[in-house]
Amino acid sequence: MRHATAGRALRRTGEQKRALMRSLATSLIEQGAIETTEAKAKELRPFVEKLITKAKTGTLHARRLAGRDIQKREAADKLFQELGPRYAKRPGGYTRILKTGHRKGDGAEMARIELIEG
C-alpha cells in the first residue's frame, strides 16, 4: 500500500528523481520549453512553479533556496532577473503542458512543457 506517498516514483530512487527534476527544471528555464514524457512533465510542473514563485520575491533567501535546485549560475540569473519580474502580477500557472503523441521507439506518451507568456 502507498499510504501518504504523493507523486510519481518514475522508477527511480529519491535522489535520482531529485536530480532528474533539477536537470529538467534547469533545461526548462534556459530554453523556455522542453519535450519529455508526459509523466515527467506532470511531475516537473509543480517543481518549476515553486521555483518561479520564489523568484518573484527576489530576496537573497529565495535565491539561496532556489540555488539548491538550480545549480547553473546562468539559469539562476535568468530565473530571478527575467522570469520573476515577468510573472510578478500572475498568481500562479506559469507553465503549460501540451501532449504531443507517442514516442516512436517505445510508445511512451510524450508532452511538451513550456513557460507561458507573462
N, C-alpha and C. Protein backbone atom coordinates (compact mmCIF):
# COMPACT_ATOMS: atom_id res chain seq x y z
N MET A 1 0.83 -1.19 0.00
CA MET A 1 0.00 0.00 0.00
C MET A 1 0.87 1.24 0.00
N ARG A 2 0.39 2.29 -0.64
CA ARG A 2 1.16 3.52 -0.77
C ARG A 2 0.54 4.62 0.09
N HIS A 3 0.54 4.45 1.38
CA HIS A 3 -0.03 5.46 2.25
C HIS A 3 0.87 6.68 2.30
N ALA A 4 0.29 7.84 2.18
CA ALA A 4 0.99 9.13 2.29
C ALA A 4 2.19 9.22 1.36
N THR A 5 2.06 8.68 0.17
CA THR A 5 3.13 8.73 -0.82
C THR A 5 2.59 9.46 -2.04
N ALA A 6 2.84 10.75 -2.11
CA ALA A 6 2.32 11.55 -3.21
C ALA A 6 3.34 11.59 -4.34
N GLY A 7 2.86 11.84 -5.54
CA GLY A 7 3.75 11.99 -6.69
C GLY A 7 4.07 10.67 -7.35
N ARG A 8 4.82 10.76 -8.43
CA ARG A 8 5.19 9.59 -9.21
C ARG A 8 6.62 9.18 -8.86
N ALA A 9 6.87 7.89 -8.80
CA ALA A 9 8.21 7.41 -8.48
C ALA A 9 9.13 7.47 -9.70
N LEU A 10 8.57 7.35 -10.90
CA LEU A 10 9.32 7.40 -12.16
C LEU A 10 10.43 6.35 -12.21
N ARG A 11 10.24 5.24 -11.49
CA ARG A 11 11.20 4.13 -11.46
C ARG A 11 12.59 4.58 -11.03
N ARG A 12 12.65 5.48 -10.08
CA ARG A 12 13.92 6.00 -9.60
C ARG A 12 13.91 6.09 -8.08
N THR A 13 15.09 6.14 -7.51
CA THR A 13 15.18 6.40 -6.08
C THR A 13 14.92 7.89 -5.85
N GLY A 14 14.80 8.28 -4.61
CA GLY A 14 14.53 9.68 -4.29
C GLY A 14 15.62 10.61 -4.79
N GLU A 15 16.87 10.20 -4.63
CA GLU A 15 17.99 11.04 -5.07
C GLU A 15 18.02 11.17 -6.59
N GLN A 16 17.75 10.06 -7.28
CA GLN A 16 17.75 10.10 -8.74
C GLN A 16 16.62 10.97 -9.26
N LYS A 17 15.47 10.89 -8.62
CA LYS A 17 14.33 11.69 -9.05
C LYS A 17 14.59 13.18 -8.80
N ARG A 18 15.21 13.51 -7.67
CA ARG A 18 15.54 14.89 -7.38
C ARG A 18 16.54 15.43 -8.41
N ALA A 19 17.52 14.62 -8.78
CA ALA A 19 18.50 15.03 -9.79
C ALA A 19 17.82 15.21 -11.15
N LEU A 20 16.89 14.33 -11.49
CA LEU A 20 16.16 14.45 -12.75
C LEU A 20 15.34 15.73 -12.78
N MET A 21 14.62 16.03 -11.70
CA MET A 21 13.80 17.23 -11.66
C MET A 21 14.67 18.49 -11.74
N ARG A 22 15.82 18.47 -11.08
CA ARG A 22 16.72 19.61 -11.14
C ARG A 22 17.22 19.85 -12.55
N SER A 23 17.60 18.78 -13.25
CA SER A 23 18.13 18.96 -14.61
C SER A 23 17.03 19.36 -15.58
N LEU A 24 15.83 18.79 -15.44
CA LEU A 24 14.72 19.18 -16.30
C LEU A 24 14.32 20.64 -16.05
N ALA A 25 14.30 21.05 -14.78
CA ALA A 25 13.94 22.42 -14.46
C ALA A 25 14.97 23.40 -15.01
N THR A 26 16.24 23.05 -14.92
CA THR A 26 17.29 23.91 -15.47
C THR A 26 17.13 24.05 -16.97
N SER A 27 16.86 22.95 -17.65
CA SER A 27 16.67 22.99 -19.11
C SER A 27 15.44 23.82 -19.47
N LEU A 28 14.37 23.68 -18.71
CA LEU A 28 13.15 24.44 -18.99
C LEU A 28 13.39 25.93 -18.79
N ILE A 29 14.11 26.30 -17.75
CA ILE A 29 14.38 27.72 -17.50
C ILE A 29 15.28 28.29 -18.59
N GLU A 30 16.29 27.52 -19.00
CA GLU A 30 17.22 28.01 -20.01
C GLU A 30 16.57 28.12 -21.38
N GLN A 31 15.78 27.11 -21.78
CA GLN A 31 15.26 27.05 -23.14
C GLN A 31 13.83 27.55 -23.28
N GLY A 32 13.07 27.58 -22.21
CA GLY A 32 11.69 28.05 -22.29
C GLY A 32 10.68 26.97 -22.58
N ALA A 33 11.11 25.86 -23.18
CA ALA A 33 10.23 24.73 -23.47
C ALA A 33 11.08 23.50 -23.70
N ILE A 34 10.59 22.35 -23.22
CA ILE A 34 11.28 21.08 -23.47
C ILE A 34 10.25 20.02 -23.77
N GLU A 35 10.68 18.95 -24.44
CA GLU A 35 9.80 17.83 -24.71
C GLU A 35 10.31 16.63 -23.93
N THR A 36 9.42 16.02 -23.17
CA THR A 36 9.77 14.88 -22.33
C THR A 36 8.54 13.98 -22.24
N THR A 37 8.61 12.94 -21.43
CA THR A 37 7.44 12.08 -21.28
C THR A 37 6.36 12.82 -20.48
N GLU A 38 5.15 12.39 -20.66
CA GLU A 38 4.03 13.06 -20.00
C GLU A 38 4.13 12.97 -18.48
N ALA A 39 4.54 11.83 -17.96
CA ALA A 39 4.66 11.66 -16.51
C ALA A 39 5.73 12.59 -15.94
N LYS A 40 6.86 12.72 -16.63
CA LYS A 40 7.91 13.62 -16.16
C LYS A 40 7.45 15.07 -16.23
N ALA A 41 6.72 15.43 -17.27
CA ALA A 41 6.23 16.80 -17.40
C ALA A 41 5.25 17.13 -16.29
N LYS A 42 4.37 16.19 -15.97
CA LYS A 42 3.39 16.43 -14.91
C LYS A 42 4.07 16.53 -13.54
N GLU A 43 5.16 15.82 -13.36
CA GLU A 43 5.89 15.88 -12.10
C GLU A 43 6.75 17.14 -12.03
N LEU A 44 7.20 17.62 -13.19
CA LEU A 44 8.06 18.80 -13.24
C LEU A 44 7.29 20.09 -13.00
N ARG A 45 6.03 20.14 -13.41
CA ARG A 45 5.25 21.37 -13.31
C ARG A 45 5.24 21.99 -11.91
N PRO A 46 4.86 21.29 -10.84
CA PRO A 46 4.87 21.94 -9.53
C PRO A 46 6.27 22.29 -9.05
N PHE A 47 7.27 21.51 -9.46
CA PHE A 47 8.66 21.78 -9.08
C PHE A 47 9.10 23.14 -9.62
N VAL A 48 8.82 23.39 -10.90
CA VAL A 48 9.23 24.64 -11.54
C VAL A 48 8.38 25.81 -11.04
N GLU A 49 7.11 25.58 -10.84
CA GLU A 49 6.24 26.68 -10.41
C GLU A 49 6.62 27.17 -9.02
N LYS A 50 7.08 26.28 -8.15
CA LYS A 50 7.54 26.71 -6.83
C LYS A 50 8.81 27.55 -6.96
N LEU A 51 9.69 27.18 -7.90
CA LEU A 51 10.91 27.96 -8.12
C LEU A 51 10.58 29.37 -8.62
N ILE A 52 9.63 29.47 -9.55
CA ILE A 52 9.26 30.78 -10.09
C ILE A 52 8.60 31.63 -9.02
N THR A 53 7.81 31.01 -8.16
CA THR A 53 7.19 31.76 -7.06
C THR A 53 8.26 32.32 -6.13
N LYS A 54 9.32 31.54 -5.88
CA LYS A 54 10.43 32.05 -5.07
C LYS A 54 11.11 33.21 -5.78
N ALA A 55 11.25 33.09 -7.11
CA ALA A 55 11.94 34.14 -7.88
C ALA A 55 11.14 35.44 -7.89
N LYS A 56 9.84 35.37 -7.69
CA LYS A 56 9.02 36.59 -7.68
C LYS A 56 9.38 37.49 -6.50
N THR A 57 9.77 36.91 -5.37
CA THR A 57 10.14 37.74 -4.23
C THR A 57 11.49 38.39 -4.46
N GLY A 58 12.43 37.65 -5.04
CA GLY A 58 13.73 38.21 -5.39
C GLY A 58 14.66 38.44 -4.21
N THR A 59 14.36 37.89 -3.05
CA THR A 59 15.21 38.11 -1.89
C THR A 59 16.43 37.19 -1.94
N LEU A 60 17.41 37.50 -1.13
CA LEU A 60 18.61 36.68 -1.05
C LEU A 60 18.26 35.28 -0.54
N HIS A 61 17.37 35.21 0.43
CA HIS A 61 16.95 33.92 0.96
C HIS A 61 16.30 33.07 -0.13
N ALA A 62 15.42 33.68 -0.94
CA ALA A 62 14.78 32.95 -2.03
C ALA A 62 15.80 32.49 -3.05
N ARG A 63 16.81 33.31 -3.33
CA ARG A 63 17.85 32.94 -4.28
C ARG A 63 18.65 31.74 -3.76
N ARG A 64 18.92 31.72 -2.46
CA ARG A 64 19.66 30.60 -1.89
C ARG A 64 18.83 29.33 -1.89
N LEU A 65 17.54 29.46 -1.60
CA LEU A 65 16.66 28.29 -1.65
C LEU A 65 16.57 27.74 -3.07
N ALA A 66 16.44 28.61 -4.05
CA ALA A 66 16.37 28.17 -5.44
C ALA A 66 17.72 27.63 -5.91
N GLY A 67 18.80 28.14 -5.34
CA GLY A 67 20.14 27.69 -5.70
C GLY A 67 20.39 26.24 -5.34
N ARG A 68 19.61 25.70 -4.41
CA ARG A 68 19.74 24.28 -4.09
C ARG A 68 19.32 23.42 -5.26
N ASP A 69 18.34 23.90 -6.04
CA ASP A 69 17.81 23.11 -7.15
C ASP A 69 18.35 23.55 -8.50
N ILE A 70 18.59 24.83 -8.70
CA ILE A 70 19.14 25.34 -9.95
C ILE A 70 20.60 25.68 -9.70
N GLN A 71 21.48 24.80 -10.12
CA GLN A 71 22.88 24.96 -9.77
C GLN A 71 23.71 25.63 -10.86
N LYS A 72 23.12 25.88 -12.01
CA LYS A 72 23.81 26.64 -13.05
C LYS A 72 23.58 28.12 -12.80
N ARG A 73 24.63 28.88 -12.74
CA ARG A 73 24.53 30.31 -12.41
C ARG A 73 23.70 31.07 -13.45
N GLU A 74 23.90 30.73 -14.75
CA GLU A 74 23.17 31.43 -15.81
C GLU A 74 21.66 31.18 -15.70
N ALA A 75 21.28 29.95 -15.40
CA ALA A 75 19.86 29.62 -15.26
C ALA A 75 19.26 30.31 -14.04
N ALA A 76 20.01 30.36 -12.95
CA ALA A 76 19.51 31.03 -11.74
C ALA A 76 19.35 32.53 -11.98
N ASP A 77 20.31 33.11 -12.70
CA ASP A 77 20.20 34.54 -13.02
C ASP A 77 18.99 34.81 -13.90
N LYS A 78 18.76 33.95 -14.89
CA LYS A 78 17.59 34.13 -15.76
C LYS A 78 16.31 33.98 -14.95
N LEU A 79 16.28 33.04 -14.03
CA LEU A 79 15.11 32.82 -13.19
C LEU A 79 14.76 34.07 -12.40
N PHE A 80 15.76 34.70 -11.80
CA PHE A 80 15.49 35.85 -10.93
C PHE A 80 15.44 37.18 -11.66
N GLN A 81 16.14 37.32 -12.77
CA GLN A 81 16.16 38.60 -13.47
C GLN A 81 15.10 38.71 -14.56
N GLU A 82 14.71 37.58 -15.18
CA GLU A 82 13.73 37.63 -16.25
C GLU A 82 12.38 37.04 -15.85
N LEU A 83 12.40 35.80 -15.34
CA LEU A 83 11.14 35.11 -15.09
C LEU A 83 10.40 35.66 -13.87
N GLY A 84 11.12 35.99 -12.81
CA GLY A 84 10.47 36.54 -11.62
C GLY A 84 9.70 37.81 -11.93
N PRO A 85 10.34 38.82 -12.54
CA PRO A 85 9.60 40.04 -12.90
C PRO A 85 8.51 39.81 -13.95
N ARG A 86 8.72 38.85 -14.87
CA ARG A 86 7.71 38.61 -15.90
C ARG A 86 6.40 38.12 -15.29
N TYR A 87 6.49 37.28 -14.25
CA TYR A 87 5.29 36.71 -13.64
C TYR A 87 4.93 37.39 -12.32
N ALA A 88 5.41 38.61 -12.09
CA ALA A 88 5.19 39.28 -10.81
C ALA A 88 3.70 39.48 -10.51
N LYS A 89 2.90 39.78 -11.51
CA LYS A 89 1.47 40.05 -11.30
C LYS A 89 0.62 38.79 -11.39
N ARG A 90 1.21 37.67 -11.81
CA ARG A 90 0.45 36.45 -12.04
C ARG A 90 0.43 35.60 -10.77
N PRO A 91 -0.74 35.13 -10.32
CA PRO A 91 -0.81 34.37 -9.06
C PRO A 91 -0.44 32.90 -9.18
N GLY A 92 -0.01 32.43 -10.32
CA GLY A 92 0.35 31.02 -10.49
C GLY A 92 0.07 30.59 -11.91
N GLY A 93 0.33 29.34 -12.21
CA GLY A 93 0.07 28.82 -13.55
C GLY A 93 1.05 29.36 -14.57
N TYR A 94 2.34 29.13 -14.34
CA TYR A 94 3.37 29.69 -15.21
C TYR A 94 3.74 28.75 -16.35
N THR A 95 3.29 27.50 -16.30
CA THR A 95 3.67 26.52 -17.32
C THR A 95 2.44 25.95 -18.01
N ARG A 96 2.69 25.37 -19.17
CA ARG A 96 1.63 24.74 -19.97
C ARG A 96 2.17 23.40 -20.44
N ILE A 97 1.34 22.36 -20.36
CA ILE A 97 1.72 21.03 -20.85
C ILE A 97 0.85 20.70 -22.05
N LEU A 98 1.50 20.40 -23.17
CA LEU A 98 0.81 20.03 -24.40
C LEU A 98 1.20 18.61 -24.77
N LYS A 99 0.23 17.73 -24.96
CA LYS A 99 0.53 16.35 -25.33
C LYS A 99 0.93 16.32 -26.81
N THR A 100 1.99 15.58 -27.12
CA THR A 100 2.50 15.56 -28.49
C THR A 100 2.42 14.19 -29.15
N GLY A 101 1.82 13.22 -28.50
CA GLY A 101 1.67 11.91 -29.12
C GLY A 101 2.59 10.88 -28.50
N HIS A 102 2.83 9.81 -29.26
CA HIS A 102 3.63 8.69 -28.76
C HIS A 102 5.04 8.74 -29.32
N ARG A 103 6.01 8.30 -28.50
CA ARG A 103 7.39 8.20 -28.95
C ARG A 103 7.50 6.96 -29.83
N LYS A 104 8.25 7.08 -30.91
CA LYS A 104 8.34 6.01 -31.88
C LYS A 104 8.99 4.75 -31.30
N GLY A 105 10.03 4.92 -30.52
CA GLY A 105 10.79 3.77 -30.03
C GLY A 105 10.03 2.85 -29.11
N ASP A 106 9.39 3.40 -28.08
CA ASP A 106 8.73 2.55 -27.09
C ASP A 106 7.26 2.89 -26.87
N GLY A 107 6.75 3.86 -27.60
CA GLY A 107 5.33 4.19 -27.49
C GLY A 107 4.97 5.01 -26.27
N ALA A 108 5.95 5.59 -25.62
CA ALA A 108 5.66 6.39 -24.42
C ALA A 108 4.91 7.66 -24.81
N GLU A 109 3.98 8.08 -23.94
CA GLU A 109 3.26 9.33 -24.15
C GLU A 109 4.23 10.50 -23.98
N MET A 110 4.33 11.34 -24.97
CA MET A 110 5.25 12.47 -24.92
C MET A 110 4.45 13.76 -24.71
N ALA A 111 5.10 14.74 -24.12
CA ALA A 111 4.45 16.03 -23.85
C ALA A 111 5.50 17.13 -23.94
N ARG A 112 5.03 18.32 -24.29
CA ARG A 112 5.88 19.49 -24.34
C ARG A 112 5.46 20.40 -23.18
N ILE A 113 6.40 20.72 -22.32
CA ILE A 113 6.12 21.64 -21.22
C ILE A 113 6.82 22.95 -21.54
N GLU A 114 6.09 24.04 -21.42
CA GLU A 114 6.65 25.34 -21.80
C GLU A 114 6.19 26.41 -20.82
N LEU A 115 7.00 27.45 -20.73
CA LEU A 115 6.64 28.62 -19.92
C LEU A 115 5.72 29.50 -20.74
N ILE A 116 4.64 29.94 -20.14
CA ILE A 116 3.70 30.79 -20.88
C ILE A 116 4.19 32.24 -20.86
N GLU A 117 3.63 33.04 -21.73
CA GLU A 117 3.99 34.45 -21.77
C GLU A 117 3.40 35.15 -20.55
N GLY A 118 4.16 36.08 -20.01
CA GLY A 118 3.74 36.77 -18.80
C GLY A 118 2.71 37.79 -19.12
